[in-house]
C-alpha cells in the first residue's frame, strides 16, 4: 500500500505477482505433504528416485576422492 501511494505501481504489480506465486507454491507443498502422509504412489516414487540419485552421487564422489587419494 505504501508503494502504491508513492507511485511505484510497477513494483507493486511485481510484488503482487510474487505473492500469488508464493501462495500457489505453499498450496502445492501442502498438497504434497498430505499426499506423502497418505503414501500416495507418486510421492513415494519421488522420494525413492531422489534416494537412488543421492546414493549414486555419493558413491561417485567417494570414488573420485579415492582416486585422488591413491594418486598422492
PDB file of N, CA and C in Angstrom:
ATOM      1  N   UNK A   1       0.829  -1.187   0.000  1.00  0.00           N
ATOM      2  CA  UNK A   1       0.000   0.000   0.000  1.00  0.00           C
ATOM      3  C   UNK A   1       0.879   1.258   0.000  1.00  0.00           C
ATOM      4  N   UNK A   2       1.942   1.230   0.794  1.00  0.00           N
ATOM      5  CA  UNK A   2       2.834   2.392   0.835  1.00  0.00           C
ATOM      6  C   UNK A   2       3.516   2.619  -0.505  1.00  0.00           C
ATOM      7  N   UNK A   3       3.830   1.544  -1.229  1.00  0.00           N
ATOM      8  CA  UNK A   3       4.467   1.674  -2.541  1.00  0.00           C
ATOM      9  C   UNK A   3       3.488   2.260  -3.557  1.00  0.00           C
ATOM     10  N   UNK A   4       2.220   1.867  -3.467  1.00  0.00           N
ATOM     11  CA  UNK A   4       1.210   2.411  -4.367  1.00  0.00           C
ATOM     12  C   UNK A   4       1.055   3.908  -4.148  1.00  0.00           C
ATOM     13  N   UNK A   5       1.015   4.305  -2.901  1.00  0.00           N
ATOM     14  CA  UNK A   5       0.872   5.718  -2.580  1.00  0.00           C
ATOM     15  C   UNK A   5       2.081   6.523  -3.057  1.00  0.00           C
ATOM     16  N   UNK A   6       3.236   5.896  -3.100  1.00  0.00           N
ATOM     17  CA  UNK A   6       4.444   6.588  -3.547  1.00  0.00           C
ATOM     18  C   UNK A   6       4.544   6.597  -5.075  1.00  0.00           C
ATOM     19  N   UNK A   7       3.576   5.995  -5.758  1.00  0.00           N
ATOM     20  CA  UNK A   7       3.579   5.997  -7.217  1.00  0.00           C
ATOM     21  C   UNK A   7       4.461   4.937  -7.830  1.00  0.00           C
ATOM     22  N   UNK A   8       4.786   3.929  -7.096  1.00  0.00           N
ATOM     23  CA  UNK A   8       5.650   2.855  -7.591  1.00  0.00           C
ATOM     24  C   UNK A   8       4.808   1.653  -8.027  1.00  0.00           C
ATOM     25  N   UNK A   9       3.929   1.879  -8.982  1.00  0.00           N
ATOM     26  CA  UNK A   9       2.972   0.845  -9.384  1.00  0.00           C
ATOM     27  C   UNK A   9       3.652  -0.377 -10.006  1.00  0.00           C
ATOM     28  N   UNK A  10       4.766  -0.187 -10.714  1.00  0.00           N
ATOM     29  CA  UNK A  10       5.462  -1.342 -11.301  1.00  0.00           C
ATOM     30  C   UNK A  10       5.940  -2.292 -10.216  1.00  0.00           C
ATOM     31  N   UNK A  11       6.492  -1.731  -9.170  1.00  0.00           N
ATOM     32  CA  UNK A  11       6.972  -2.553  -8.058  1.00  0.00           C
ATOM     33  C   UNK A  11       5.807  -3.244  -7.366  1.00  0.00           C
ATOM     34  N   UNK A  12       4.701  -2.526  -7.232  1.00  0.00           N
ATOM     35  CA  UNK A  12       3.511  -3.100  -6.591  1.00  0.00           C
ATOM     36  C   UNK A  12       3.024  -4.308  -7.379  1.00  0.00           C
ATOM     37  N   UNK A  13       2.954  -4.187  -8.696  1.00  0.00           N
ATOM     38  CA  UNK A  13       2.493  -5.302  -9.526  1.00  0.00           C
ATOM     39  C   UNK A  13       3.455  -6.483  -9.443  1.00  0.00           C
ATOM     40  N   UNK A  14       4.735  -6.200  -9.433  1.00  0.00           N
ATOM     41  CA  UNK A  14       5.727  -7.262  -9.302  1.00  0.00           C
ATOM     42  C   UNK A  14       5.573  -7.992  -7.970  1.00  0.00           C
ATOM     43  N   UNK A  15       5.402  -7.227  -6.892  1.00  0.00           N
ATOM     44  CA  UNK A  15       5.234  -7.841  -5.573  1.00  0.00           C
ATOM     45  C   UNK A  15       3.941  -8.645  -5.483  1.00  0.00           C
ATOM     46  N   UNK A  16       2.878  -8.145  -6.094  1.00  0.00           N
ATOM     47  CA  UNK A  16       1.607  -8.891  -6.101  1.00  0.00           C
ATOM     48  C   UNK A  16       1.781 -10.209  -6.843  1.00  0.00           C
ATOM     49  N   UNK A  17       2.474 -10.175  -7.954  1.00  0.00           N
ATOM     50  CA  UNK A  17       2.713 -11.380  -8.738  1.00  0.00           C
ATOM     51  C   UNK A  17       3.536 -12.396  -7.947  1.00  0.00           C
ATOM     52  N   UNK A  18       4.579 -11.917  -7.294  1.00  0.00           N
ATOM     53  CA  UNK A  18       5.416 -12.814  -6.484  1.00  0.00           C
ATOM     54  C   UNK A  18       4.621 -13.401  -5.316  1.00  0.00           C
ATOM     55  N   UNK A  19       3.737 -12.607  -4.728  1.00  0.00           N
ATOM     56  CA  UNK A  19       2.913 -13.092  -3.622  1.00  0.00           C
ATOM     57  C   UNK A  19       1.969 -14.188  -4.102  1.00  0.00           C
ATOM     58  N   UNK A  20       1.353 -13.992  -5.274  1.00  0.00           N
ATOM     59  CA  UNK A  20       0.454 -15.005  -5.830  1.00  0.00           C
ATOM     60  C   UNK A  20       1.206 -16.306  -6.097  1.00  0.00           C
ATOM     61  N   UNK A  21       2.403 -16.197  -6.656  1.00  0.00           N
ATOM     62  CA  UNK A  21       3.223 -17.382  -6.919  1.00  0.00           C
ATOM     63  C   UNK A  21       3.564 -18.093  -5.619  1.00  0.00           C
ATOM     64  N   UNK A  22       3.927 -17.329  -4.616  1.00  0.00           N
ATOM     65  CA  UNK A  22       4.274 -17.878  -3.305  1.00  0.00           C
ATOM     66  C   UNK A  22       3.084 -18.633  -2.709  1.00  0.00           C
ATOM     67  N   UNK A  23       1.903 -18.047  -2.791  1.00  0.00           N
ATOM     68  CA  UNK A  23       0.699 -18.680  -2.240  1.00  0.00           C
ATOM     69  C   UNK A  23       0.400 -19.978  -2.991  1.00  0.00           C
ATOM     70  N   UNK A  24       0.556 -19.968  -4.322  1.00  0.00           N
ATOM     71  CA  UNK A  24       0.329 -21.194  -5.102  1.00  0.00           C
ATOM     72  C   UNK A  24       1.329 -22.280  -4.712  1.00  0.00           C
ATOM     73  N   UNK A  25       2.583 -21.889  -4.517  1.00  0.00           N
ATOM     74  CA  UNK A  25       3.598 -22.868  -4.125  1.00  0.00           C
ATOM     75  C   UNK A  25       3.307 -23.447  -2.751  1.00  0.00           C
ATOM     76  N   UNK A  26       2.860 -22.608  -1.822  1.00  0.00           N
ATOM     77  CA  UNK A  26       2.510 -23.115  -0.493  1.00  0.00           C
ATOM     78  C   UNK A  26       1.370 -24.117  -0.568  1.00  0.00           C
ATOM     79  N   UNK A  27       0.378 -23.831  -1.408  1.00  0.00           N
ATOM     80  CA  UNK A  27      -0.750 -24.755  -1.568  1.00  0.00           C
ATOM     81  C   UNK A  27      -0.270 -26.084  -2.140  1.00  0.00           C
ATOM     82  N   UNK A  28       0.622 -26.034  -3.118  1.00  0.00           N
ATOM     83  CA  UNK A  28       1.147 -27.259  -3.722  1.00  0.00           C
ATOM     84  C   UNK A  28       1.975 -28.058  -2.711  1.00  0.00           C
ATOM     85  N   UNK A  29       2.767 -27.380  -1.913  1.00  0.00           N
ATOM     86  CA  UNK A  29       3.564 -28.062  -0.884  1.00  0.00           C
ATOM     87  C   UNK A  29       2.649 -28.717   0.146  1.00  0.00           C
ATOM     88  N   UNK A  30       1.586 -28.034   0.532  1.00  0.00           N
ATOM     89  CA  UNK A  30       0.634 -28.615   1.483  1.00  0.00           C
ATOM     90  C   UNK A  30      -0.009 -29.871   0.911  1.00  0.00           C
ATOM     91  N   UNK A  31      -0.374 -29.814  -0.383  1.00  0.00           N
ATOM     92  CA  UNK A  31      -0.969 -30.980  -1.038  1.00  0.00           C
ATOM     93  C   UNK A  31       0.033 -32.130  -1.079  1.00  0.00           C
ATOM     94  N   UNK A  32       1.278 -31.826  -1.427  1.00  0.00           N
ATOM     95  CA  UNK A  32       2.299 -32.865  -1.496  1.00  0.00           C
ATOM     96  C   UNK A  32       2.545 -33.481  -0.118  1.00  0.00           C
ATOM     97  N   UNK A  33       2.541 -32.654   0.918  1.00  0.00           N
ATOM     98  CA  UNK A  33       2.738 -33.168   2.275  1.00  0.00           C
ATOM     99  C   UNK A  33       1.609 -34.116   2.659  1.00  0.00           C
ATOM    100  N   UNK A  34       0.383 -33.731   2.341  1.00  0.00           N
ATOM    101  CA  UNK A  34      -0.770 -34.581   2.650  1.00  0.00           C
ATOM    102  C   UNK A  34      -0.688 -35.886   1.865  1.00  0.00           C
ATOM    103  N   UNK A  35      -0.309 -35.782   0.578  1.00  0.00           N
ATOM    104  CA  UNK A  35      -0.180 -36.991  -0.246  1.00  0.00           C
ATOM    105  C   UNK A  35       0.930 -37.901   0.265  1.00  0.00           C
ATOM    106  N   UNK A  36       2.000 -37.331   0.766  1.00  0.00           N
ATOM    107  CA  UNK A  36       3.083 -38.131   1.335  1.00  0.00           C
ATOM    108  C   UNK A  36       2.614 -38.857   2.593  1.00  0.00           C
ATOM    109  N   UNK A  37       1.868 -38.139   3.433  1.00  0.00           N
ATOM    110  CA  UNK A  37       1.335 -38.770   4.650  1.00  0.00           C
ATOM    111  C   UNK A  37       0.379 -39.901   4.308  1.00  0.00           C
ATOM    112  N   UNK A  38      -0.352 -39.769   3.183  1.00  0.00           N
ATOM    113  CA  UNK A  38      -1.283 -40.813   2.745  1.00  0.00           C
ATOM    114  C   UNK A  38      -0.596 -41.865   1.876  1.00  0.00           C
ATOM    115  N   UNK A  39       0.733 -41.748   1.754  1.00  0.00           N
ATOM    116  CA  UNK A  39       1.546 -42.678   0.977  1.00  0.00           C
ATOM    117  C   UNK A  39       1.067 -42.834  -0.455  1.00  0.00           C
ATOM    118  N   UNK A  40       0.747 -41.695  -1.075  1.00  0.00           N
ATOM    119  CA  UNK A  40       0.362 -41.704  -2.487  1.00  0.00           C
ATOM    120  C   UNK A  40       1.554 -42.185  -3.308  1.00  0.00           C
ATOM    121  N   UNK A  41       1.274 -42.949  -4.337  1.00  0.00           N
ATOM    122  CA  UNK A  41       2.307 -43.604  -5.121  1.00  0.00           C
ATOM    123  C   UNK A  41       3.293 -42.610  -5.746  1.00  0.00           C
ATOM    124  N   UNK A  42       2.792 -41.512  -6.291  1.00  0.00           N
ATOM    125  CA  UNK A  42       3.705 -40.576  -6.945  1.00  0.00           C
ATOM    126  C   UNK A  42       4.674 -39.940  -5.960  1.00  0.00           C
ATOM    127  N   UNK A  43       4.231 -39.725  -4.731  1.00  0.00           N
ATOM    128  CA  UNK A  43       5.114 -39.110  -3.733  1.00  0.00           C
ATOM    129  C   UNK A  43       6.176 -40.098  -3.263  1.00  0.00           C
ATOM    130  N   UNK A  44       5.803 -41.331  -3.025  1.00  0.00           N
ATOM    131  CA  UNK A  44       6.806 -42.313  -2.612  1.00  0.00           C
ATOM    132  C   UNK A  44       7.799 -42.552  -3.749  1.00  0.00           C
ATOM    133  N   UNK A  45       7.312 -42.490  -4.999  1.00  0.00           N
ATOM    134  CA  UNK A  45       8.198 -42.631  -6.153  1.00  0.00           C
ATOM    135  C   UNK A  45       9.214 -41.507  -6.229  1.00  0.00           C
ATOM    136  N   UNK A  46       8.769 -40.296  -5.940  1.00  0.00           N
ATOM    137  CA  UNK A  46       9.671 -39.147  -5.950  1.00  0.00           C
ATOM    138  C   UNK A  46      10.785 -39.352  -4.928  1.00  0.00           C
ATOM    139  N   UNK A  47      10.425 -39.781  -3.728  1.00  0.00           N
ATOM    140  CA  UNK A  47      11.427 -39.960  -2.682  1.00  0.00           C
ATOM    141  C   UNK A  47      12.365 -41.113  -2.988  1.00  0.00           C
ATOM    142  N   UNK A  48      11.842 -42.203  -3.549  1.00  0.00           N
ATOM    143  CA  UNK A  48      12.712 -43.324  -3.909  1.00  0.00           C
ATOM    144  C   UNK A  48      13.685 -42.917  -5.005  1.00  0.00           C
ATOM    145  N   UNK A  49      13.191 -42.167  -5.983  1.00  0.00           N
ATOM    146  CA  UNK A  49      14.049 -41.690  -7.062  1.00  0.00           C
ATOM    147  C   UNK A  49      15.137 -40.774  -6.520  1.00  0.00           C
ATOM    148  N   UNK A  50      14.771 -39.887  -5.628  1.00  0.00           N
ATOM    149  CA  UNK A  50      15.748 -38.982  -5.020  1.00  0.00           C
ATOM    150  C   UNK A  50      16.797 -39.772  -4.245  1.00  0.00           C
ATOM    151  N   UNK A  51      16.347 -40.773  -3.496  1.00  0.00           N
ATOM    152  CA  UNK A  51      17.266 -41.579  -2.697  1.00  0.00           C
ATOM    153  C   UNK A  51      18.272 -42.312  -3.581  1.00  0.00           C
ATOM    154  N   UNK A  52      17.799 -42.882  -4.689  1.00  0.00           N
ATOM    155  CA  UNK A  52      18.692 -43.583  -5.613  1.00  0.00           C
ATOM    156  C   UNK A  52      19.706 -42.604  -6.199  1.00  0.00           C
ATOM    157  N   UNK A  53      19.238 -41.438  -6.635  1.00  0.00           N
ATOM    158  CA  UNK A  53      20.132 -40.439  -7.200  1.00  0.00           C
ATOM    159  C   UNK A  53      21.150 -39.950  -6.193  1.00  0.00           C
ATOM    160  N   UNK A  54      20.701 -39.727  -4.964  1.00  0.00           N
ATOM    161  CA  UNK A  54      21.595 -39.269  -3.904  1.00  0.00           C
ATOM    162  C   UNK A  54      22.669 -40.313  -3.628  1.00  0.00           C
ATOM    163  N   UNK A  55      22.258 -41.575  -3.548  1.00  0.00           N
ATOM    164  CA  UNK A  55      23.203 -42.661  -3.275  1.00  0.00           C
ATOM    165  C   UNK A  55      24.229 -42.788  -4.391  1.00  0.00           C
ATOM    166  N   UNK A  56      23.770 -42.691  -5.647  1.00  0.00           N
ATOM    167  CA  UNK A  56      24.703 -42.768  -6.774  1.00  0.00           C
ATOM    168  C   UNK A  56      25.682 -41.598  -6.754  1.00  0.00           C
ATOM    169  N   UNK A  57      25.166 -40.408  -6.447  1.00  0.00           N
ATOM    170  CA  UNK A  57      26.035 -39.238  -6.374  1.00  0.00           C
ATOM    171  C   UNK A  57      27.071 -39.367  -5.285  1.00  0.00           C
ATOM    172  N   UNK A  58      26.652 -39.881  -4.143  1.00  0.00           N
ATOM    173  CA  UNK A  58      27.573 -40.076  -3.018  1.00  0.00           C
ATOM    174  C   UNK A  58      28.635 -41.114  -3.373  1.00  0.00           C
ATOM    175  N   UNK A  59      28.215 -42.177  -4.038  1.00  0.00           N
ATOM    176  CA  UNK A  59      29.175 -43.208  -4.457  1.00  0.00           C
ATOM    177  C   UNK A  59      30.172 -42.629  -5.460  1.00  0.00           C
ATOM    178  N   UNK A  60      29.688 -41.812  -6.379  1.00  0.00           N
ATOM    179  CA  UNK A  60      30.570 -41.199  -7.372  1.00  0.00           C
ATOM    180  C   UNK A  60      31.584 -40.274  -6.701  1.00  0.00           C
ATOM    181  N   UNK A  61      31.141 -39.488  -5.751  1.00  0.00           N
ATOM    182  CA  UNK A  61      32.060 -38.616  -5.013  1.00  0.00           C
ATOM    183  C   UNK A  61      33.099 -39.425  -4.251  1.00  0.00           C
ATOM    184  N   UNK A  62      32.651 -40.501  -3.640  1.00  0.00           N
ATOM    185  CA  UNK A  62      33.582 -41.343  -2.887  1.00  0.00           C
ATOM    186  C   UNK A  62      34.638 -41.938  -3.798  1.00  0.00           C
ATOM    187  N   UNK A  63      34.217 -42.440  -4.959  1.00  0.00           N
ATOM    188  CA  UNK A  63      35.177 -42.992  -5.921  1.00  0.00           C
ATOM    189  C   UNK A  63      36.163 -41.924  -6.382  1.00  0.00           C
ATOM    190  N   UNK A  64      35.650 -40.741  -6.654  1.00  0.00           N
ATOM    191  CA  UNK A  64      36.501 -39.636  -7.081  1.00  0.00           C
ATOM    192  C   UNK A  64      37.533 -39.308  -6.002  1.00  0.00           C
ATOM    193  N   UNK A  65      37.100 -39.250  -4.763  1.00  0.00           N
ATOM    194  CA  UNK A  65      38.021 -38.946  -3.658  1.00  0.00           C
ATOM    195  C   UNK A  65      39.035 -40.066  -3.465  1.00  0.00           C
ATOM    196  N   UNK A  66      38.625 -41.305  -3.629  1.00  0.00           N
ATOM    197  CA  UNK A  66      39.564 -42.415  -3.503  1.00  0.00           C
ATOM    198  C   UNK A  66      40.630 -42.358  -4.592  1.00  0.00           C
ATOM    199  N   UNK A  67      40.235 -41.988  -5.789  1.00  0.00           N
ATOM    200  CA  UNK A  67      41.200 -41.889  -6.889  1.00  0.00           C
ATOM    201  C   UNK A  67      42.199 -40.764  -6.626  1.00  0.00           C
ATOM    202  N   UNK A  68      41.722 -39.662  -6.071  1.00  0.00           N
ATOM    203  CA  UNK A  68      42.612 -38.546  -5.754  1.00  0.00           C
ATOM    204  C   UNK A  68      43.597 -38.971  -4.672  1.00  0.00           C
ATOM    205  N   UNK A  69      43.090 -39.629  -3.617  1.00  0.00           N
ATOM    206  CA  UNK A  69      43.944 -40.063  -2.510  1.00  0.00           C
ATOM    207  C   UNK A  69      44.977 -41.089  -2.963  1.00  0.00           C
ATOM    208  N   UNK A  70      44.590 -41.972  -3.898  1.00  0.00           N
ATOM    209  CA  UNK A  70      45.532 -43.015  -4.306  1.00  0.00           C
ATOM    210  C   UNK A  70      46.631 -42.468  -5.206  1.00  0.00           C
ATOM    211  N   UNK A  71      46.428 -41.299  -5.796  1.00  0.00           N
ATOM    212  CA  UNK A  71      47.466 -40.710  -6.646  1.00  0.00           C
ATOM    213  C   UNK A  71      48.470 -39.923  -5.836  1.00  0.00           C
ATOM    214  N   UNK A  72      48.176 -39.646  -4.577  1.00  0.00           N
ATOM    215  CA  UNK A  72      49.092 -38.849  -3.744  1.00  0.00           C
ATOM    216  C   UNK A  72      50.182 -39.688  -3.207  1.00  0.00           C
TER     217      UNK A  72
END
